[in-house]
Structure formats: C-alpha cells, structure tokens
Protein backbone atom coordinates (compact mmCIF):
# COMPACT_ATOMS: atom_id res chain seq x y z
CA UNK A 1 -25.02 -141.42 11.35
CA UNK A 2 -23.18 -140.74 14.43
CA UNK A 3 -20.02 -140.97 12.53
CA UNK A 4 -21.28 -138.69 9.70
CA UNK A 5 -22.03 -135.99 12.34
CA UNK A 6 -18.81 -136.33 13.80
CA UNK A 7 -16.91 -136.04 10.66
CA UNK A 8 -18.84 -133.03 9.88
CA UNK A 9 -17.85 -131.64 13.33
CA UNK A 10 -14.32 -132.39 12.91
CA UNK A 11 -14.34 -130.71 9.38
CA UNK A 12 -16.07 -127.73 10.87
CA UNK A 13 -13.29 -127.37 13.59
CA UNK A 14 -10.49 -127.82 11.04
CA UNK A 15 -11.87 -124.90 8.74
CA UNK A 16 -12.25 -122.90 11.79
CA UNK A 17 -8.71 -123.61 12.83
CA UNK A 18 -7.40 -122.89 9.37
CA UNK A 19 -9.32 -119.40 9.29
CA UNK A 20 -7.98 -118.27 12.64
CA UNK A 21 -4.56 -119.54 12.17
CA UNK A 22 -3.88 -119.03 8.46
CA UNK A 23 -0.91 -117.11 8.82
CA UNK A 24 0.75 -119.11 11.57
CA UNK A 25 1.61 -122.04 9.34
CA UNK A 26 3.47 -119.79 6.69
CA UNK A 27 5.42 -117.66 9.45
CA UNK A 28 6.46 -120.95 11.27
CA UNK A 29 7.86 -122.38 7.88
CA UNK A 30 9.63 -119.19 7.18
CA UNK A 31 11.07 -118.81 10.72
CA UNK A 32 12.14 -122.60 10.50
CA UNK A 33 13.74 -121.96 7.03
CA UNK A 34 15.66 -118.86 8.05
CA UNK A 35 16.58 -120.52 11.18
CA UNK A 36 18.18 -123.54 9.77
CA UNK A 37 20.27 -121.64 7.24
CA UNK A 38 21.48 -119.15 10.02
CA UNK A 39 22.96 -122.28 11.70
CA UNK A 40 23.89 -124.60 8.82
CA UNK A 41 24.07 -122.27 5.74
CA UNK A 42 27.20 -121.23 3.93
CA UNK A 43 27.38 -118.11 6.33
CA UNK A 44 25.77 -119.65 9.49
CA UNK A 45 27.13 -120.44 12.65
CA UNK A 46 28.86 -123.58 11.81
CA UNK A 47 30.59 -122.08 8.90
CA UNK A 48 31.68 -119.26 11.05
CA UNK A 49 33.15 -121.46 13.78
CA UNK A 50 34.96 -123.59 10.87
CA UNK A 51 36.37 -120.49 9.58
CA UNK A 52 37.34 -119.32 12.88
CA UNK A 53 39.24 -122.72 13.62
CA UNK A 54 40.91 -122.41 10.32
CA UNK A 55 42.19 -118.74 10.97
CA UNK A 56 43.69 -119.90 14.20
CA UNK A 57 45.42 -122.67 12.36
CA UNK A 58 46.77 -120.41 9.73
CA UNK A 59 47.73 -117.68 12.20
CA UNK A 60 49.68 -120.60 14.16
CA UNK A 61 51.48 -121.55 10.85
CA UNK A 62 52.22 -117.93 9.87
CA UNK A 63 53.94 -117.55 13.33
CA UNK A 64 55.98 -120.61 12.69
CA UNK A 65 56.92 -119.47 9.35
CA UNK A 66 57.96 -116.12 10.50
CA UNK A 67 60.09 -117.40 13.23
CA UNK A 68 61.63 -119.74 10.39
CA UNK A 69 62.34 -116.88 8.42
CA UNK A 70 63.97 -115.03 11.23
CA UNK A 71 66.27 -117.82 11.87
CA UNK A 72 67.32 -118.08 8.15
CA UNK A 73 67.88 -114.32 7.88
CA UNK A 74 70.25 -114.75 11.10
CA UNK A 75 71.94 -117.80 9.28
CA UNK A 76 72.49 -115.41 6.09
CA UNK A 77 73.66 -112.31 8.04
CA UNK A 78 76.31 -114.76 9.75
CA UNK A 79 77.63 -115.66 6.19
CA UNK A 80 77.84 -112.25 4.72
CA UNK A 81 81.52 -111.16 3.81
CA UNK A 82 81.50 -108.33 6.23
CA UNK A 83 81.22 -110.59 9.30
CA UNK A 84 81.75 -114.52 8.46
CA UNK A 85 80.91 -116.60 11.42
CA UNK A 86 83.83 -119.36 11.05
CA UNK A 87 81.96 -122.02 12.87
CA UNK A 88 78.65 -121.66 10.86
CA UNK A 89 80.63 -121.38 7.40
CA UNK A 90 82.65 -124.58 8.53
CA UNK A 91 79.67 -126.55 9.30
CA UNK A 92 78.08 -125.47 5.93
CA UNK A 93 80.99 -126.43 4.05
CA UNK A 94 81.26 -129.95 5.79
CA UNK A 95 77.48 -130.35 5.02
CA UNK A 96 78.15 -129.80 1.37
CA UNK A 97 80.94 -132.26 1.44
CA UNK A 98 84.04 -130.19 1.72
CA UNK A 99 87.05 -131.33 3.95
CA UNK A 100 90.35 -129.92 4.70
CA UNK A 101 93.55 -130.74 3.09
CA UNK A 102 95.18 -133.97 4.73
CA UNK A 103 91.99 -135.01 6.36
CA UNK A 104 90.92 -138.74 5.72
CA UNK A 105 87.33 -139.37 4.63
CA UNK A 106 85.86 -142.82 5.34
CA UNK A 107 82.61 -143.81 3.72
CA UNK A 108 80.18 -146.33 5.08
CA UNK A 109 77.91 -148.34 2.89
CA UNK A 110 74.42 -147.57 3.42
CA UNK A 111 72.31 -150.46 4.94
CA UNK A 112 68.84 -151.01 3.63
CA UNK A 113 67.91 -153.79 6.18
CA UNK A 114 69.00 -154.20 9.73
CA UNK A 115 71.26 -157.10 10.07
CA UNK A 116 69.71 -159.92 11.99
CA UNK A 117 71.24 -160.96 15.13
CA UNK A 118 73.18 -164.32 15.48
CA UNK A 119 71.16 -167.26 17.03
C-alpha cells in the first residue's frame, strides 16, 4: 500500500498547490495572451516596424516623384511661348520625327537577332 499512500500524498499536495495558486495560472495565461498580441498582433511591434519600413519607402518614392515633377515643370516652362529654349525645342521636334528641309534621313532596319561572327 506504499504506492497508494504516495498517491494520496501527491493528490493532497496538488490540491494544496491549486488552492494556494489558483489565480496564478489564469493571470499567466492572460499575460501571455496580451504579450503575444502586443508583439505579433495587427497593431503589435512587428506590424509597427513593417509600417515604419513601408513609410520610409513611400517617402523616398515621394521625393523621387517630386524631383521628377520639378524637372518636367522646368521643361514645360522652357517650351512656353514667352521664352522658348531653341535647343530644347529642336531636340523635342527631332524626337517626334521632324527634320529640317533639305536634310537626308537614313533609316536602318531593326535587327531582332545579333549576327553571328564568321568562323
């Protein structure tokens, strides 16, 4: 009966432990729950770091777009009738395919594949 007594002692100790620490287990579970969601939740630390990284990327993109906008605005101002930049106007017209009278236009066929060198 030694094992029976031992079992009773273990049960008695377990009941006493539960009576003394009945609040510890739910509180620990609650702390673990909120701690996990504070780090990995929708508004947790990981999500905050992701949003911070995304904000930095978007700010860099915004700066790039503002620079591009300023460059385009300067080009538009250069093409206004009140102060046309002759060099810019000519380069834009040539890009669009205009040529001066008397100029010779030579068109080269486009190659889709590079030619093989001779052996």
